[in-house]
Amino acid sequence: MIDGMLRADLDAPAKQRHTAQRIFDRLVEGHEADDISYPMVRVHVKERRKEIRRQAGVGPEAMFVPQRHLPGAEAEVDFGDVHIMLAGEPTRVYLFSLRLSYSGKAVHRVFASCGQEAFFEGHVHAFRVLGGIPRGRIRYDNLRAAVKRVLGFSRARVETERWTAFRSRWGLDAFYCRPGIEGAHEKGGVEGQIGCFRRNHFVPVPEVASLAELNEMVDQWDLADEGRRLRSRTCTVGEYLAQEQPLLRPLPHEVFETGRWFTPRVNRFGQITVRSNAYSVPVRFIGRQLRALLHVNDLVVPPGHGPRPRKPCSASPGPSRGRRRWNRPAQPAASPRSTTSGGPPPAPRTARPPAPAH
């Protein structure tokens, strides 16, 4: 009965066709179908309406036009998650990919997270490897690192402040795809590139001692992929890149700091807390505020603020609330009555005599 109603709609005016609610009401009123529910009818109508229109030879609901890109004009950016064995432990990390649309050349970088710091550092690394910046727009999905809010069904976005400053410094023209699966085809090149790169180079699961070692391997894989030939193209990726590279815009002279500065206070345990992670520092800084620069894979403390300038950050995707300590030279235990690392303990306090009565 439902299929009959949908077939009758093929010849009905566009504004007078059955909706799922109307079909449900007719089934209940005219055929006493009390044992069905509206959600059951809605799901069935959604699937059968497309099939009936397709069988009747009615035009497709959506049409796709192949994209054509000019050399040095456009690029696409996205993240993809991969699993590795990091120092003997199974770990999920994130693969940043920037792909030139004309040549198909892609630059990858592995990070411990897909936050804003990784988003910025991935761009900087890719632009330096390519030797330039695309002159046209770069396609993005609605990453939280760049987009604070999507405004309705339009292309307008409320961007984060640091992303606005970053793309202004590098002169990037951001193009945001539609949310959800409907906008995936708008940057299908980088979507397929991440899947291809993951299947070809991360199977079997690589075993590395550090992310730096893995990124060196990724750089070699990127160079090897320049010899690939994409589908029916007559030249390799590297040959198309040689045509595209001179047309890229040159890099800016001023460098944008991709890390984020923090001024945490050292607690009584000789630790500072940055993004819910605790890092140990010399106990002589207890009670003071230190300046720390947080990158995606490490924490940088300026000289004079500790014996270890770089400390590795957590590789987990979420914040870790446990205390973290790194190997450092053993130090003498401080006196329980002292807050400094050296010197004699202070003299014990004596009770103050009571004030005389008036």
Protein backbone atom coordinates (compact mmCIF):
# COMPACT_ATOMS: atom_id res chain seq x y z
CA MET A 1 0.00 0.00 0.00
CA ILE A 2 2.83 2.40 0.79
CA ASP A 3 4.54 1.66 -2.50
CA GLY A 4 1.28 2.37 -4.33
CA MET A 5 1.00 5.77 -2.69
CA LEU A 6 4.59 6.62 -3.58
CA ARG A 7 4.11 5.56 -7.21
CA ALA A 8 1.02 7.74 -7.42
CA ASP A 9 3.13 10.68 -6.25
CA LEU A 10 5.26 10.44 -9.42
CA ASP A 11 2.46 12.12 -11.40
CA ALA A 12 1.13 14.32 -8.59
CA PRO A 13 1.97 18.05 -8.25
CA ALA A 14 5.15 18.74 -6.33
CA LYS A 15 3.31 20.37 -3.42
CA GLN A 16 0.64 17.68 -3.16
CA ARG A 17 2.62 14.53 -2.56
CA HIS A 18 2.45 12.17 0.38
CA THR A 19 4.58 12.84 3.41
CA ALA A 20 5.47 10.11 5.90
CA GLN A 21 2.95 11.55 8.35
CA ARG A 22 0.15 11.54 5.75
CA ILE A 23 0.90 7.95 4.76
CA PHE A 24 0.80 6.92 8.43
CA ASP A 25 -2.53 8.67 8.96
CA ARG A 26 -4.08 6.95 5.91
CA LEU A 27 -2.89 3.54 7.06
CA VAL A 28 -4.40 4.04 10.51
CA GLU A 29 -7.68 5.63 9.38
CA GLY A 30 -8.43 3.68 6.23
CA HIS A 31 -6.83 0.31 6.90
CA GLU A 32 -6.88 0.11 10.72
CA ALA A 33 -3.13 -0.50 10.88
CA ASP A 34 -2.93 -0.03 14.64
CA ASP A 35 0.08 -2.31 15.12
CA ILE A 36 2.55 0.00 13.34
CA SER A 37 4.19 3.22 14.52
CA TYR A 38 5.10 6.43 12.78
CA PRO A 39 8.92 5.89 13.07
CA MET A 40 8.51 2.55 11.26
CA VAL A 41 6.63 4.24 8.41
CA ARG A 42 9.09 7.14 8.23
CA VAL A 43 12.15 4.88 7.86
CA HIS A 44 10.41 2.73 5.22
CA VAL A 45 9.26 5.76 3.21
CA LYS A 46 12.71 7.32 3.28
CA GLU A 47 14.27 4.24 1.70
CA ARG A 48 11.48 3.24 -0.70
CA ARG A 49 10.87 6.72 -2.13
CA LYS A 50 14.43 6.83 -3.57
CA GLU A 51 14.17 3.31 -4.98
CA ILE A 52 10.78 3.94 -6.63
CA ARG A 53 11.99 7.18 -8.24
CA ARG A 54 15.12 5.40 -9.46
CA GLN A 55 13.07 2.52 -10.94
CA ALA A 56 10.79 4.98 -12.68
CA GLY A 57 13.73 6.70 -14.35
CA VAL A 58 13.20 10.00 -12.58
CA GLY A 59 16.33 12.21 -12.43
CA PRO A 60 18.83 11.64 -9.61
CA GLU A 61 18.46 13.57 -6.38
CA ALA A 62 22.01 14.94 -6.59
CA MET A 63 24.47 15.51 -9.39
CA PHE A 64 28.26 15.61 -9.12
CA VAL A 65 30.58 17.58 -11.37
CA PRO A 66 34.28 16.57 -11.52
CA GLN A 67 36.51 19.21 -9.98
CA ARG A 68 39.20 20.95 -11.99
CA HIS A 69 42.04 22.77 -10.26
CA LEU A 70 44.60 25.25 -11.51
CA PRO A 71 48.30 24.71 -10.66
CA GLY A 72 49.29 26.28 -7.35
CA ALA A 73 45.76 27.47 -6.65
CA GLU A 74 44.08 25.14 -4.13
CA ALA A 75 44.77 22.64 -1.36
CA GLU A 76 42.86 20.50 1.13
CA VAL A 77 43.55 19.82 4.84
CA ASP A 78 42.29 17.14 7.20
CA PHE A 79 43.20 14.91 10.17
CA GLY A 80 43.02 11.12 10.36
CA ASP A 81 43.68 8.83 13.32
CA VAL A 82 46.19 5.96 13.14
CA HIS A 83 47.33 3.34 15.65
CA ILE A 84 51.00 2.61 16.34
CA MET A 85 53.17 0.81 18.91
CA LEU A 86 54.88 3.68 20.73
CA ALA A 87 57.67 2.48 23.05
CA GLY A 88 55.97 -0.90 23.30
CA GLU A 89 52.51 0.51 24.08
CA PRO A 90 49.56 0.59 21.63
CA THR A 91 48.81 4.27 21.06
CA ARG A 92 46.42 6.24 18.91
CA VAL A 93 47.97 9.26 17.23
CA TYR A 94 46.74 11.72 14.62
CA LEU A 95 47.93 12.13 11.05
CA PHE A 96 47.82 15.66 9.63
CA SER A 97 47.62 15.90 5.84
CA LEU A 98 47.84 18.89 3.49
CA ARG A 99 47.29 17.96 -0.17
CA LEU A 100 47.77 20.17 -3.23
CA SER A 101 44.70 19.72 -5.40
CA TYR A 102 46.40 19.99 -8.80
CA SER A 103 49.44 17.75 -8.42
CA GLY A 104 48.14 15.49 -5.66
CA LYS A 105 51.29 16.07 -3.59
CA ALA A 106 50.52 15.52 0.10
CA VAL A 107 52.60 16.35 3.17
CA HIS A 108 51.90 14.39 6.36
CA ARG A 109 52.84 14.83 10.01
CA VAL A 110 52.04 12.70 13.05
CA PHE A 111 51.05 14.38 16.32
CA ALA A 112 50.01 13.22 19.75
CA SER A 113 46.72 15.13 19.46
CA CYS A 114 44.67 16.97 16.88
CA GLY A 115 44.40 20.21 18.86
CA GLN A 116 45.09 23.73 17.70
CA GLU A 117 48.85 23.49 18.24
CA ALA A 118 49.01 20.40 15.99
CA PHE A 119 46.80 22.14 13.44
CA PHE A 120 49.20 25.10 13.24
CA GLU A 121 52.42 23.08 13.30
CA GLY A 122 51.12 20.82 10.53
CA HIS A 123 50.53 23.85 8.29
CA VAL A 124 53.97 25.30 8.98
CA HIS A 125 55.70 21.98 8.27
CA ALA A 126 53.74 21.45 5.05
CA PHE A 127 54.42 24.95 3.71
CA ARG A 128 58.13 24.64 4.41
CA VAL A 129 58.32 21.27 2.66
CA LEU A 130 56.42 22.58 -0.37
CA GLY A 131 58.40 25.82 -0.43
CA GLY A 132 55.31 27.99 -0.76
CA ILE A 133 51.62 28.60 -0.07
CA PRO A 134 48.67 28.00 -2.41
CA ARG A 135 47.49 31.25 -4.00
CA GLY A 136 43.81 30.28 -3.85
CA ARG A 137 41.62 28.79 -1.18
CA ILE A 138 42.30 25.86 1.11
CA ARG A 139 39.40 23.55 1.92
CA TYR A 140 38.67 22.60 5.53
CA ASP A 141 35.94 20.84 7.41
CA ASN A 142 34.61 22.43 10.58
CA LEU A 143 37.49 21.60 12.93
CA ARG A 144 37.27 23.01 16.44
CA ALA A 145 40.81 24.32 16.06
CA ALA A 146 39.54 26.75 13.42
CA VAL A 147 35.75 27.06 13.72
CA LYS A 148 34.03 28.22 16.87
CA ARG A 149 30.48 28.13 15.50
CA VAL A 150 28.69 27.29 12.24
CA LEU A 151 26.19 29.99 11.24
CA GLY A 152 23.07 28.31 9.91
CA PHE A 153 23.21 26.60 6.52
CA SER A 154 25.54 29.15 4.94
CA ARG A 155 29.32 29.12 4.46
CA ALA A 156 29.78 31.73 7.17
CA ARG A 157 31.72 30.64 10.24
CA VAL A 158 32.76 32.20 13.54
CA GLU A 159 36.49 31.47 13.67
CA THR A 160 38.70 31.14 16.72
CA GLU A 161 40.91 34.14 17.47
CA ARG A 162 44.27 32.36 17.15
CA TRP A 163 43.25 30.75 13.86
CA THR A 164 42.25 34.15 12.48
CA ALA A 165 45.64 35.54 13.48
CA PHE A 166 47.47 32.52 12.06
CA ARG A 167 45.83 32.54 8.63
CA SER A 168 46.16 36.31 8.42
CA ARG A 169 49.91 36.03 8.98
CA TRP A 170 50.26 33.32 6.33
CA GLY A 171 47.66 34.82 3.98
CA LEU A 172 45.39 31.74 3.84
CA ASP A 173 41.99 31.84 2.13
CA ALA A 174 39.91 29.33 4.11
CA PHE A 175 36.95 27.59 2.47
CA TYR A 176 34.75 25.59 4.88
CA CYS A 177 32.86 22.57 3.62
CA ARG A 178 29.28 21.80 4.57
CA PRO A 179 28.89 19.98 7.90
CA GLY A 180 28.41 16.22 7.96
CA ILE A 181 28.74 13.66 5.23
CA GLU A 182 27.19 16.01 2.66
CA GLY A 183 30.36 18.11 2.61
CA ALA A 184 32.84 15.21 2.51
CA HIS A 185 32.94 15.16 -1.30
CA GLU A 186 33.98 18.82 -1.34
CA LYS A 187 37.44 17.77 -0.16
CA GLY A 188 37.40 14.19 -1.32
CA GLY A 189 41.03 14.36 -2.46
CA VAL A 190 42.51 14.59 1.02
CA GLU A 191 39.90 12.16 2.43
CA GLY A 192 41.06 9.48 0.00
CA GLN A 193 44.72 10.43 0.42
CA ILE A 194 44.66 9.79 4.17
CA GLY A 195 43.06 6.39 3.67
CA CYS A 196 45.55 5.43 0.96
CA PHE A 197 48.53 6.60 3.03
CA ARG A 198 47.29 4.71 6.09
CA ARG A 199 46.76 1.45 4.19
CA ASN A 200 50.09 1.59 2.37
CA HIS A 201 52.41 2.70 5.18
CA PHE A 202 50.72 1.88 8.49
CA VAL A 203 49.96 -1.76 7.67
CA PRO A 204 51.34 -3.61 9.54
CA VAL A 205 51.25 -1.35 12.60
CA PRO A 206 54.67 0.37 12.87
CA GLU A 207 56.69 0.03 16.07
CA VAL A 208 58.72 3.13 17.01
CA ALA A 209 60.43 4.48 20.09
CA SER A 210 59.23 8.09 19.66
CA LEU A 211 57.10 10.29 17.45
CA ALA A 212 60.23 11.97 16.11
CA GLU A 213 61.38 8.63 14.75
CA LEU A 214 57.97 8.03 13.18
CA ASN A 215 57.91 11.47 11.55
CA GLU A 216 61.29 10.78 9.95
CA MET A 217 59.75 7.66 8.41
CA VAL A 218 56.72 9.67 7.27
CA ASP A 219 59.00 12.18 5.49
CA GLN A 220 60.63 9.34 3.58
CA TRP A 221 57.24 7.89 2.65
CA ASP A 222 56.12 11.29 1.33
CA LEU A 223 59.17 11.46 -0.94
CA ALA A 224 58.56 7.92 -2.20
CA ASP A 225 54.92 8.72 -2.99
CA GLU A 226 56.01 11.36 -5.50
CA GLY A 227 56.71 8.51 -7.91
CA ARG A 228 53.08 7.37 -7.86
CA ARG A 229 50.76 7.88 -10.83
CA LEU A 230 47.20 8.94 -9.95
CA ARG A 231 44.51 7.03 -11.87
CA SER A 232 44.59 7.92 -15.58
CA ARG A 233 47.13 10.72 -15.34
CA THR A 234 50.06 10.61 -17.71
CA CYS A 235 52.67 12.00 -15.28
CA THR A 236 53.66 11.18 -11.72
CA VAL A 237 52.89 13.27 -8.67
CA GLY A 238 56.45 14.56 -8.58
CA GLU A 239 56.31 15.70 -12.22
CA TYR A 240 53.09 17.61 -11.65
CA LEU A 241 54.61 19.10 -8.49
CA ALA A 242 57.54 20.45 -10.50
CA GLN A 243 55.03 22.37 -12.63
CA GLU A 244 53.05 23.60 -9.63
CA GLN A 245 55.82 24.56 -7.21
CA PRO A 246 57.03 27.73 -9.02
CA LEU A 247 53.44 29.06 -8.96
CA LEU A 248 53.10 28.90 -5.16
CA ARG A 249 53.17 32.10 -3.14
CA PRO A 250 56.45 32.63 -1.21
CA LEU A 251 56.62 32.08 2.54
CA PRO A 252 56.34 35.10 4.88
CA HIS A 253 59.46 36.39 6.58
CA GLU A 254 57.92 36.74 10.04
CA VAL A 255 57.36 33.52 11.95
CA PHE A 256 54.10 32.87 13.79
CA GLU A 257 54.54 31.17 17.17
CA THR A 258 52.45 28.01 16.95
CA GLY A 259 52.81 27.16 20.65
CA ARG A 260 50.81 28.64 23.49
CA TRP A 261 52.33 30.45 26.47
CA PHE A 262 51.28 29.61 30.03
CA THR A 263 52.33 31.10 33.37
CA PRO A 264 51.64 28.33 35.92
CA ARG A 265 52.59 28.59 39.57
CA VAL A 266 54.85 25.90 41.07
CA ASN A 267 53.00 24.03 43.80
CA ARG A 268 54.44 22.64 47.02
CA PHE A 269 55.34 19.38 45.28
CA GLY A 270 57.67 21.16 42.84
CA GLN A 271 55.30 20.76 39.89
CA ILE A 272 53.53 22.96 37.38
CA THR A 273 50.18 22.07 35.82
CA VAL A 274 49.59 22.74 32.13
CA ARG A 275 46.42 21.46 30.45
CA SER A 276 45.67 19.10 33.36
CA ASN A 277 49.17 17.52 33.13
CA ALA A 278 51.72 17.95 35.93
CA TYR A 279 55.42 18.52 35.11
CA SER A 280 58.24 18.49 37.67
CA VAL A 281 60.59 21.48 38.09
CA PRO A 282 63.40 22.25 40.59
CA VAL A 283 62.09 22.76 44.09
CA ARG A 284 63.80 26.15 44.37
CA PHE A 285 60.96 27.55 42.24
CA ILE A 286 58.22 26.51 44.68
CA GLY A 287 55.70 29.32 45.05
CA ARG A 288 56.89 31.18 41.92
CA GLN A 289 55.31 31.56 38.50
CA LEU A 290 57.15 30.21 35.46
CA ARG A 291 56.66 30.88 31.76
CA ALA A 292 56.17 27.68 29.75
CA LEU A 293 55.62 27.30 26.01
CA LEU A 294 53.37 24.35 25.13
CA HIS A 295 53.78 22.66 21.75
CA VAL A 296 51.79 19.67 20.60
CA ASN A 297 54.52 17.12 21.42
CA ASP A 298 56.64 18.85 24.08
CA LEU A 299 56.72 21.56 26.73
CA VAL A 300 59.48 24.19 26.45
CA VAL A 301 60.70 26.01 29.56
CA PRO A 302 62.95 29.05 28.86
CA PRO A 303 66.60 28.88 30.05
CA GLY A 304 67.03 29.63 33.73
CA HIS A 305 63.63 28.19 34.64
CA GLY A 306 64.72 24.58 35.11
CA PRO A 307 67.46 22.06 34.25
CA ARG A 308 65.49 20.35 31.44
CA PRO A 309 64.37 22.74 28.68
CA ARG A 310 62.14 20.19 26.92
CA LYS A 311 59.75 17.70 28.46
CA PRO A 312 57.63 15.28 26.41
CA CYS A 313 53.89 15.73 26.68
CA SER A 314 51.28 13.05 27.06
CA ALA A 315 50.45 11.15 23.86
CA SER A 316 46.90 10.39 24.94
CA PRO A 317 44.11 12.20 23.06
CA GLY A 318 42.54 13.51 26.27
CA PRO A 319 43.99 15.27 29.29
CA SER A 320 45.64 13.16 31.96
CA ARG A 321 45.08 14.16 35.55
CA GLY A 322 47.84 12.08 37.07
CA ARG A 323 51.20 13.49 38.13
CA ARG A 324 54.00 13.04 35.63
CA ARG A 325 57.73 13.09 36.47
CA TRP A 326 60.71 12.75 34.19
CA ASN A 327 64.16 11.41 34.93
CA ARG A 328 66.43 14.07 36.39
CA PRO A 329 69.49 14.08 38.66
CA ALA A 330 68.80 13.06 42.20
CA GLN A 331 68.52 15.98 44.62
CA PRO A 332 68.88 15.98 48.40
CA ALA A 333 65.63 15.80 50.22
CA ALA A 334 64.47 19.12 51.61
CA SER A 335 63.82 19.59 55.28
CA PRO A 336 60.18 19.10 56.23
CA ARG A 337 60.25 22.58 57.73
CA SER A 338 61.91 24.22 54.74
CA THR A 339 60.54 25.19 51.31
CA THR A 340 64.00 25.55 49.72
CA SER A 341 66.41 22.93 48.42
CA GLY A 342 69.33 23.91 50.68
CA GLY A 343 70.34 25.68 53.89
CA PRO A 344 69.70 24.84 57.52
CA PRO A 345 66.13 24.42 58.70
CA PRO A 346 64.57 27.44 60.41
CA ALA A 347 64.57 27.63 64.18
CA PRO A 348 61.46 26.25 65.87
CA ARG A 349 58.87 28.77 66.84
CA THR A 350 58.26 29.43 70.52
CA ALA A 351 54.92 30.16 72.06
CA ARG A 352 54.20 33.86 72.61
CA PRO A 353 53.56 34.75 76.30
CA PRO A 354 50.01 35.76 77.06
CA ALA A 355 49.24 39.48 77.17
CA PRO A 356 48.93 40.98 80.69
CA ALA A 357 45.43 41.42 81.99
CA HIS A 358 44.13 45.01 82.36
